[in-house]
Each structure stands twice: as structure tokens, then as C-alpha cells.
Amino acid sequence: SDNDEDSFNEYYEDMPWLALDYQERTKKSELGGKYNVHGIPKLILLDGDSGDVICTEARNKIQFDDTEGENFPWKSS
């Protein structure tokens, strides 16, 4: 999805979420290391006030574990 800028733009043109600009490769690497991102899509919930991590596996919670959101907000174990 991000081997080059054209591939990046094509992948994200229909996506409803925000993304770093392609030129932000250094920031992408920093964030990937900080939040243990090894593939996309990855959804991490952060506290908007403190920046603390609430859940590192929110995508799995939404897609597989708690599809109705009954246990939201999920906490990382």
C-alpha cells in the first residue's frame, strides 16, 4: 500500500480515515515502533486528553471480538 507515493495515494483515496502524508516516512516509522504496528489496517485507541493508550488491538475487537461494541471502550490486556 505504500511502496511508493502513487500506490499510497491509490490505496487511501477511498478510505474514510486520516493518514499521515506519504512524505512523513520518519514519523510513520516512529509511530509504528511505538505502537507495535506490523501491518495495516491497525486501529489503536488513545485517550484524547492524556494520549495514553486505551487499546492496542481495537481493530480485532471491532471485527471479531465485540462486533456490537457492548464492552467498549476496550482495554488492552
PDB file of N, CA and C in Angstrom:
ATOM      1  N   SER A   1       0.808  -1.202   0.000  1.00  0.00           N
ATOM      2  CA  SER A   1       0.000   0.000   0.000  1.00  0.00           C
ATOM      3  C   SER A   1       0.848   1.261   0.000  1.00  0.00           C
ATOM      4  N   ASP A   2       2.086   1.169   0.454  1.00  0.00           N
ATOM      5  CA  ASP A   2       2.881   2.391   0.483  1.00  0.00           C
ATOM      6  C   ASP A   2       4.310   2.166   0.004  1.00  0.00           C
ATOM      7  N   ASN A   3       4.457   1.328  -1.017  1.00  0.00           N
ATOM      8  CA  ASN A   3       5.780   1.114  -1.590  1.00  0.00           C
ATOM      9  C   ASN A   3       6.277   2.346  -2.329  1.00  0.00           C
ATOM     10  N   ASP A   4       5.349   3.133  -2.851  1.00  0.00           N
ATOM     11  CA  ASP A   4       5.672   4.397  -3.492  1.00  0.00           C
ATOM     12  C   ASP A   4       4.485   5.331  -3.314  1.00  0.00           C
ATOM     13  N   GLU A   5       4.683   6.610  -3.621  1.00  0.00           N
ATOM     14  CA  GLU A   5       3.644   7.596  -3.342  1.00  0.00           C
ATOM     15  C   GLU A   5       2.370   7.348  -4.145  1.00  0.00           C
ATOM     16  N   ASP A   6       2.502   6.913  -5.392  1.00  0.00           N
ATOM     17  CA  ASP A   6       1.304   6.633  -6.195  1.00  0.00           C
ATOM     18  C   ASP A   6       0.486   5.490  -5.594  1.00  0.00           C
ATOM     19  N   SER A   7       1.152   4.426  -5.158  1.00  0.00           N
ATOM     20  CA  SER A   7       0.443   3.303  -4.528  1.00  0.00           C
ATOM     21  C   SER A   7      -0.240   3.744  -3.242  1.00  0.00           C
ATOM     22  N   PHE A   8       0.461   4.547  -2.472  1.00  0.00           N
ATOM     23  CA  PHE A   8      -0.100   5.079  -1.233  1.00  0.00           C
ATOM     24  C   PHE A   8      -1.370   5.872  -1.524  1.00  0.00           C
ATOM     25  N   ASN A   9      -1.289   6.799  -2.465  1.00  0.00           N
ATOM     26  CA  ASN A   9      -2.443   7.643  -2.793  1.00  0.00           C
ATOM     27  C   ASN A   9      -3.609   6.824  -3.321  1.00  0.00           C
ATOM     28  N   GLU A  10      -3.336   5.825  -4.131  1.00  0.00           N
ATOM     29  CA  GLU A  10      -4.398   4.975  -4.670  1.00  0.00           C
ATOM     30  C   GLU A  10      -5.081   4.186  -3.550  1.00  0.00           C
ATOM     31  N   TYR A  11      -4.296   3.663  -2.629  1.00  0.00           N
ATOM     32  CA  TYR A  11      -4.843   2.877  -1.523  1.00  0.00           C
ATOM     33  C   TYR A  11      -5.742   3.728  -0.634  1.00  0.00           C
ATOM     34  N   TYR A  12      -5.310   4.933  -0.331  1.00  0.00           N
ATOM     35  CA  TYR A  12      -6.030   5.764   0.635  1.00  0.00           C
ATOM     36  C   TYR A  12      -7.108   6.656   0.038  1.00  0.00           C
ATOM     37  N   GLU A  13      -7.219   6.739  -1.283  1.00  0.00           N
ATOM     38  CA  GLU A  13      -8.183   7.677  -1.850  1.00  0.00           C
ATOM     39  C   GLU A  13      -9.627   7.357  -1.478  1.00  0.00           C
ATOM     40  N   ASP A  14      -9.941   6.105  -1.221  1.00  0.00           N
ATOM     41  CA  ASP A  14     -11.309   5.723  -0.863  1.00  0.00           C
ATOM     42  C   ASP A  14     -11.474   5.396   0.616  1.00  0.00           C
ATOM     43  N   MET A  15     -10.438   5.577   1.398  1.00  0.00           N
ATOM     44  CA  MET A  15     -10.501   5.236   2.814  1.00  0.00           C
ATOM     45  C   MET A  15     -11.095   6.402   3.605  1.00  0.00           C
ATOM     46  N   PRO A  16     -11.978   6.098   4.568  1.00  0.00           N
ATOM     47  CA  PRO A  16     -12.658   7.164   5.308  1.00  0.00           C
ATOM     48  C   PRO A  16     -11.871   7.704   6.506  1.00  0.00           C
ATOM     49  N   TRP A  17     -10.654   7.243   6.723  1.00  0.00           N
ATOM     50  CA  TRP A  17      -9.905   7.686   7.888  1.00  0.00           C
ATOM     51  C   TRP A  17      -8.713   8.538   7.478  1.00  0.00           C
ATOM     52  N   LEU A  18      -8.152   9.207   8.448  1.00  0.00           N
ATOM     53  CA  LEU A  18      -6.985  10.048   8.219  1.00  0.00           C
ATOM     54  C   LEU A  18      -5.733   9.193   8.127  1.00  0.00           C
ATOM     55  N   ALA A  19      -4.750   9.718   7.434  1.00  0.00           N
ATOM     56  CA  ALA A  19      -3.461   9.050   7.324  1.00  0.00           C
ATOM     57  C   ALA A  19      -2.367  10.108   7.264  1.00  0.00           C
ATOM     58  N   LEU A  20      -1.184   9.745   7.713  1.00  0.00           N
ATOM     59  CA  LEU A  20      -0.041  10.631   7.533  1.00  0.00           C
ATOM     60  C   LEU A  20       0.224  10.791   6.049  1.00  0.00           C
ATOM     61  N   ASP A  21       0.707  11.949   5.642  1.00  0.00           N
ATOM     62  CA  ASP A  21       1.125  12.125   4.256  1.00  0.00           C
ATOM     63  C   ASP A  21       2.248  11.149   3.940  1.00  0.00           C
ATOM     64  N   TYR A  22       2.358  10.766   2.692  1.00  0.00           N
ATOM     65  CA  TYR A  22       3.382   9.810   2.286  1.00  0.00           C
ATOM     66  C   TYR A  22       4.785  10.290   2.669  1.00  0.00           C
ATOM     67  N   GLN A  23       5.010  11.579   2.593  1.00  0.00           N
ATOM     68  CA  GLN A  23       6.332  12.137   2.887  1.00  0.00           C
ATOM     69  C   GLN A  23       6.720  11.991   4.364  1.00  0.00           C
ATOM     70  N   GLU A  24       5.793  11.644   5.221  1.00  0.00           N
ATOM     71  CA  GLU A  24       6.045  11.515   6.663  1.00  0.00           C
ATOM     72  C   GLU A  24       6.557  10.118   7.030  1.00  0.00           C
ATOM     73  N   ARG A  25       7.486   9.587   6.254  1.00  0.00           N
ATOM     74  CA  ARG A  25       8.001   8.233   6.474  1.00  0.00           C
ATOM     75  C   ARG A  25       8.696   8.097   7.830  1.00  0.00           C
ATOM     76  N   THR A  26       9.421   9.114   8.239  1.00  0.00           N
ATOM     77  CA  THR A  26      10.108   9.040   9.529  1.00  0.00           C
ATOM     78  C   THR A  26       9.100   8.953  10.665  1.00  0.00           C
ATOM     79  N   LYS A  27       8.085   9.798  10.628  1.00  0.00           N
ATOM     80  CA  LYS A  27       7.042   9.780  11.662  1.00  0.00           C
ATOM     81  C   LYS A  27       6.299   8.446  11.634  1.00  0.00           C
ATOM     82  N   LYS A  28       6.021   7.925  10.431  1.00  0.00           N
ATOM     83  CA  LYS A  28       5.359   6.624  10.297  1.00  0.00           C
ATOM     84  C   LYS A  28       6.175   5.540  11.002  1.00  0.00           C
ATOM     85  N   SER A  29       7.469   5.540  10.784  1.00  0.00           N
ATOM     86  CA  SER A  29       8.334   4.543  11.425  1.00  0.00           C
ATOM     87  C   SER A  29       8.356   4.706  12.937  1.00  0.00           C
ATOM     88  N   GLU A  30       8.417   5.954  13.397  1.00  0.00           N
ATOM     89  CA  GLU A  30       8.412   6.212  14.839  1.00  0.00           C
ATOM     90  C   GLU A  30       7.122   5.699  15.482  1.00  0.00           C
ATOM     91  N   LEU A  31       5.995   6.031  14.878  1.00  0.00           N
ATOM     92  CA  LEU A  31       4.707   5.601  15.425  1.00  0.00           C
ATOM     93  C   LEU A  31       4.545   4.086  15.344  1.00  0.00           C
ATOM     94  N   GLY A  32       4.996   3.500  14.231  1.00  0.00           N
ATOM     95  CA  GLY A  32       4.923   2.050  14.082  1.00  0.00           C
ATOM     96  C   GLY A  32       5.697   1.329  15.169  1.00  0.00           C
ATOM     97  N   GLY A  33       6.873   1.852  15.508  1.00  0.00           N
ATOM     98  CA  GLY A  33       7.657   1.264  16.580  1.00  0.00           C
ATOM     99  C   GLY A  33       7.024   1.473  17.944  1.00  0.00           C
ATOM    100  N   LYS A  34       6.538   2.677  18.172  1.00  0.00           N
ATOM    101  CA  LYS A  34       5.938   3.000  19.467  1.00  0.00           C
ATOM    102  C   LYS A  34       4.709   2.151  19.758  1.00  0.00           C
ATOM    103  N   TYR A  35       3.888   1.908  18.718  1.00  0.00           N
ATOM    104  CA  TYR A  35       2.624   1.194  18.916  1.00  0.00           C
ATOM    105  C   TYR A  35       2.640  -0.223  18.359  1.00  0.00           C
ATOM    106  N   ASN A  36       3.841  -0.733  18.027  1.00  0.00           N
ATOM    107  CA  ASN A  36       3.995  -2.123  17.606  1.00  0.00           C
ATOM    108  C   ASN A  36       3.141  -2.463  16.386  1.00  0.00           C
ATOM    109  N   VAL A  37       3.194  -1.605  15.381  1.00  0.00           N
ATOM    110  CA  VAL A  37       2.430  -1.809  14.150  1.00  0.00           C
ATOM    111  C   VAL A  37       3.279  -2.608  13.171  1.00  0.00           C
ATOM    112  N   HIS A  38       2.737  -3.753  12.734  1.00  0.00           N
ATOM    113  CA  HIS A  38       3.444  -4.601  11.777  1.00  0.00           C
ATOM    114  C   HIS A  38       2.656  -4.791  10.493  1.00  0.00           C
ATOM    115  N   GLY A  39       1.460  -4.256  10.427  1.00  0.00           N
ATOM    116  CA  GLY A  39       0.638  -4.369   9.227  1.00  0.00           C
ATOM    117  C   GLY A  39      -0.518  -3.394   9.294  1.00  0.00           C
ATOM    118  N   ILE A  40      -1.196  -3.253   8.166  1.00  0.00           N
ATOM    119  CA  ILE A  40      -2.349  -2.356   8.123  1.00  0.00           C
ATOM    120  C   ILE A  40      -3.555  -3.130   7.636  1.00  0.00           C
ATOM    121  N   PRO A  41      -4.739  -2.745   8.007  1.00  0.00           N
ATOM    122  CA  PRO A  41      -5.012  -1.617   8.892  1.00  0.00           C
ATOM    123  C   PRO A  41      -4.774  -1.984  10.351  1.00  0.00           C
ATOM    124  N   LYS A  42      -4.438  -1.004  11.130  1.00  0.00           N
ATOM    125  CA  LYS A  42      -4.216  -1.142  12.577  1.00  0.00           C
ATOM    126  C   LYS A  42      -4.991  -0.021  13.250  1.00  0.00           C
ATOM    127  N   LEU A  43      -5.754  -0.339  14.264  1.00  0.00           N
ATOM    128  CA  LEU A  43      -6.527   0.660  14.988  1.00  0.00           C
ATOM    129  C   LEU A  43      -6.138   0.619  16.458  1.00  0.00           C
ATOM    130  N   ILE A  44      -5.659   1.745  16.941  1.00  0.00           N
ATOM    131  CA  ILE A  44      -5.242   1.886  18.329  1.00  0.00           C
ATOM    132  C   ILE A  44      -6.075   2.998  18.940  1.00  0.00           C
ATOM    133  N   LEU A  45      -6.683   2.740  20.091  1.00  0.00           N
ATOM    134  CA  LEU A  45      -7.457   3.775  20.774  1.00  0.00           C
ATOM    135  C   LEU A  45      -6.566   4.504  21.769  1.00  0.00           C
ATOM    136  N   LEU A  46      -6.582   5.836  21.683  1.00  0.00           N
ATOM    137  CA  LEU A  46      -5.825   6.675  22.599  1.00  0.00           C
ATOM    138  C   LEU A  46      -6.776   7.571  23.367  1.00  0.00           C
ATOM    139  N   ASP A  47      -6.424   7.900  24.592  1.00  0.00           N
ATOM    140  CA  ASP A  47      -7.171   8.883  25.362  1.00  0.00           C
ATOM    141  C   ASP A  47      -6.857  10.252  24.761  1.00  0.00           C
ATOM    142  N   GLY A  48      -7.888  10.966  24.328  1.00  0.00           N
ATOM    143  CA  GLY A  48      -7.698  12.245  23.661  1.00  0.00           C
ATOM    144  C   GLY A  48      -7.111  13.322  24.541  1.00  0.00           C
ATOM    145  N   ASP A  49      -7.277  13.211  25.830  1.00  0.00           N
ATOM    146  CA  ASP A  49      -6.740  14.216  26.748  1.00  0.00           C
ATOM    147  C   ASP A  49      -5.298  13.925  27.145  1.00  0.00           C
ATOM    148  N   SER A  50      -5.031  12.690  27.508  1.00  0.00           N
ATOM    149  CA  SER A  50      -3.705  12.351  28.034  1.00  0.00           C
ATOM    150  C   SER A  50      -2.772  11.754  26.985  1.00  0.00           C
ATOM    151  N   GLY A  51      -3.343  11.189  25.914  1.00  0.00           N
ATOM    152  CA  GLY A  51      -2.527  10.486  24.934  1.00  0.00           C
ATOM    153  C   GLY A  51      -2.196   9.065  25.346  1.00  0.00           C
ATOM    154  N   ASP A  52      -2.698   8.638  26.500  1.00  0.00           N
ATOM    155  CA  ASP A  52      -2.454   7.275  26.967  1.00  0.00           C
ATOM    156  C   ASP A  52      -3.144   6.269  26.056  1.00  0.00           C
ATOM    157  N   VAL A  53      -2.514   5.118  25.908  1.00  0.00           N
ATOM    158  CA  VAL A  53      -3.083   4.041  25.104  1.00  0.00           C
ATOM    159  C   VAL A  53      -4.219   3.384  25.879  1.00  0.00           C
ATOM    160  N   ILE A  54      -5.372   3.271  25.238  1.00  0.00           N
ATOM    161  CA  ILE A  54      -6.513   2.567  25.825  1.00  0.00           C
ATOM    162  C   ILE A  54      -6.530   1.128  25.337  1.00  0.00           C
ATOM    163  N   CYS A  55      -6.357   0.943  24.026  1.00  0.00           N
ATOM    164  CA  CYS A  55      -6.407  -0.401  23.449  1.00  0.00           C
ATOM    165  C   CYS A  55      -5.534  -0.456  22.206  1.00  0.00           C
ATOM    166  N   THR A  56      -4.640  -1.436  22.163  1.00  0.00           N
ATOM    167  CA  THR A  56      -3.758  -1.588  21.005  1.00  0.00           C
ATOM    168  C   THR A  56      -4.337  -2.514  19.941  1.00  0.00           C
ATOM    169  N   GLU A  57      -5.410  -3.206  20.248  1.00  0.00           N
ATOM    170  CA  GLU A  57      -5.993  -4.170  19.315  1.00  0.00           C
ATOM    171  C   GLU A  57      -7.455  -3.850  19.008  1.00  0.00           C
ATOM    172  N   ALA A  58      -7.766  -2.577  18.844  1.00  0.00           N
ATOM    173  CA  ALA A  58      -9.156  -2.170  18.624  1.00  0.00           C
ATOM    174  C   ALA A  58      -9.739  -2.746  17.333  1.00  0.00           C
ATOM    175  N   ARG A  59      -8.930  -2.891  16.308  1.00  0.00           N
ATOM    176  CA  ARG A  59      -9.440  -3.476  15.063  1.00  0.00           C
ATOM    177  C   ARG A  59      -9.981  -4.881  15.305  1.00  0.00           C
ATOM    178  N   ASN A  60      -9.237  -5.706  16.017  1.00  0.00           N
ATOM    179  CA  ASN A  60      -9.705  -7.065  16.304  1.00  0.00           C
ATOM    180  C   ASN A  60     -10.957  -7.058  17.159  1.00  0.00           C
ATOM    181  N   LYS A  61     -11.034  -6.119  18.097  1.00  0.00           N
ATOM    182  CA  LYS A  61     -12.232  -6.013  18.941  1.00  0.00           C
ATOM    183  C   LYS A  61     -13.457  -5.707  18.085  1.00  0.00           C
ATOM    184  N   ILE A  62     -13.329  -4.750  17.181  1.00  0.00           N
ATOM    185  CA  ILE A  62     -14.447  -4.359  16.323  1.00  0.00           C
ATOM    186  C   ILE A  62     -14.811  -5.471  15.347  1.00  0.00           C
ATOM    187  N   GLN A  63     -13.804  -6.043  14.720  1.00  0.00           N
ATOM    188  CA  GLN A  63     -14.043  -7.003  13.646  1.00  0.00           C
ATOM    189  C   GLN A  63     -14.402  -8.400  14.142  1.00  0.00           C
ATOM    190  N   PHE A  64     -13.853  -8.825  15.275  1.00  0.00           N
ATOM    191  CA  PHE A  64     -14.021 -10.216  15.684  1.00  0.00           C
ATOM    192  C   PHE A  64     -14.594 -10.419  17.089  1.00  0.00           C
ATOM    193  N   ASP A  65     -14.077  -9.682  18.064  1.00  0.00           N
ATOM    194  CA  ASP A  65     -14.361  -9.996  19.467  1.00  0.00           C
ATOM    195  C   ASP A  65     -15.634  -9.367  20.016  1.00  0.00           C
ATOM    196  N   ASP A  66     -15.906  -8.130  19.636  1.00  0.00           N
ATOM    197  CA  ASP A  66     -17.030  -7.385  20.228  1.00  0.00           C
ATOM    198  C   ASP A  66     -17.689  -6.547  19.137  1.00  0.00           C
ATOM    199  N   THR A  67     -18.239  -7.219  18.162  1.00  0.00           N
ATOM    200  CA  THR A  67     -18.752  -6.542  16.964  1.00  0.00           C
ATOM    201  C   THR A  67     -19.898  -5.582  17.246  1.00  0.00           C
ATOM    202  N   GLU A  68     -20.573  -5.745  18.364  1.00  0.00           N
ATOM    203  CA  GLU A  68     -21.671  -4.842  18.732  1.00  0.00           C
ATOM    204  C   GLU A  68     -21.204  -3.711  19.649  1.00  0.00           C
ATOM    205  N   GLY A  69     -19.958  -3.745  20.066  1.00  0.00           N
ATOM    206  CA  GLY A  69     -19.423  -2.700  20.935  1.00  0.00           C
ATOM    207  C   GLY A  69     -19.961  -2.725  22.349  1.00  0.00           C
ATOM    208  N   GLU A  70     -20.430  -3.877  22.783  1.00  0.00           N
ATOM    209  CA  GLU A  70     -21.029  -3.986  24.115  1.00  0.00           C
ATOM    210  C   GLU A  70     -20.024  -3.758  25.243  1.00  0.00           C
ATOM    211  N   ASN A  71     -18.754  -4.015  24.990  1.00  0.00           N
ATOM    212  CA  ASN A  71     -17.725  -3.863  26.023  1.00  0.00           C
ATOM    213  C   ASN A  71     -16.820  -2.655  25.788  1.00  0.00           C
ATOM    214  N   PHE A  72     -17.267  -1.752  24.912  1.00  0.00           N
ATOM    215  CA  PHE A  72     -16.491  -0.550  24.613  1.00  0.00           C
ATOM    216  C   PHE A  72     -16.543   0.407  25.788  1.00  0.00           C
ATOM    217  N   PRO A  73     -15.507   1.119  26.150  1.00  0.00           N
ATOM    218  CA  PRO A  73     -14.193   1.111  25.490  1.00  0.00           C
ATOM    219  C   PRO A  73     -13.360  -0.074  25.958  1.00  0.00           C
ATOM    220  N   TRP A  74     -12.727  -0.716  25.006  1.00  0.00           N
ATOM    221  CA  TRP A  74     -11.924  -1.889  25.299  1.00  0.00           C
ATOM    222  C   TRP A  74     -10.618  -1.463  25.935  1.00  0.00           C
ATOM    223  N   LYS A  75     -10.134  -2.263  26.822  1.00  0.00           N
ATOM    224  CA  LYS A  75      -8.839  -2.018  27.462  1.00  0.00           C
ATOM    225  C   LYS A  75      -7.867  -3.082  26.988  1.00  0.00           C
ATOM    226  N   SER A  76      -6.637  -2.683  26.738  1.00  0.00           N
ATOM    227  CA  SER A  76      -5.608  -3.663  26.393  1.00  0.00           C
ATOM    228  C   SER A  76      -5.304  -4.511  27.608  1.00  0.00           C
ATOM    229  N   SER A  77      -5.011  -5.777  27.347  1.00  0.00           N
ATOM    230  CA  SER A  77      -4.697  -6.661  28.475  1.00  0.00           C
ATOM    231  C   SER A  77      -3.219  -6.676  28.756  1.00  0.00           C
TER     232      SER A  77
END
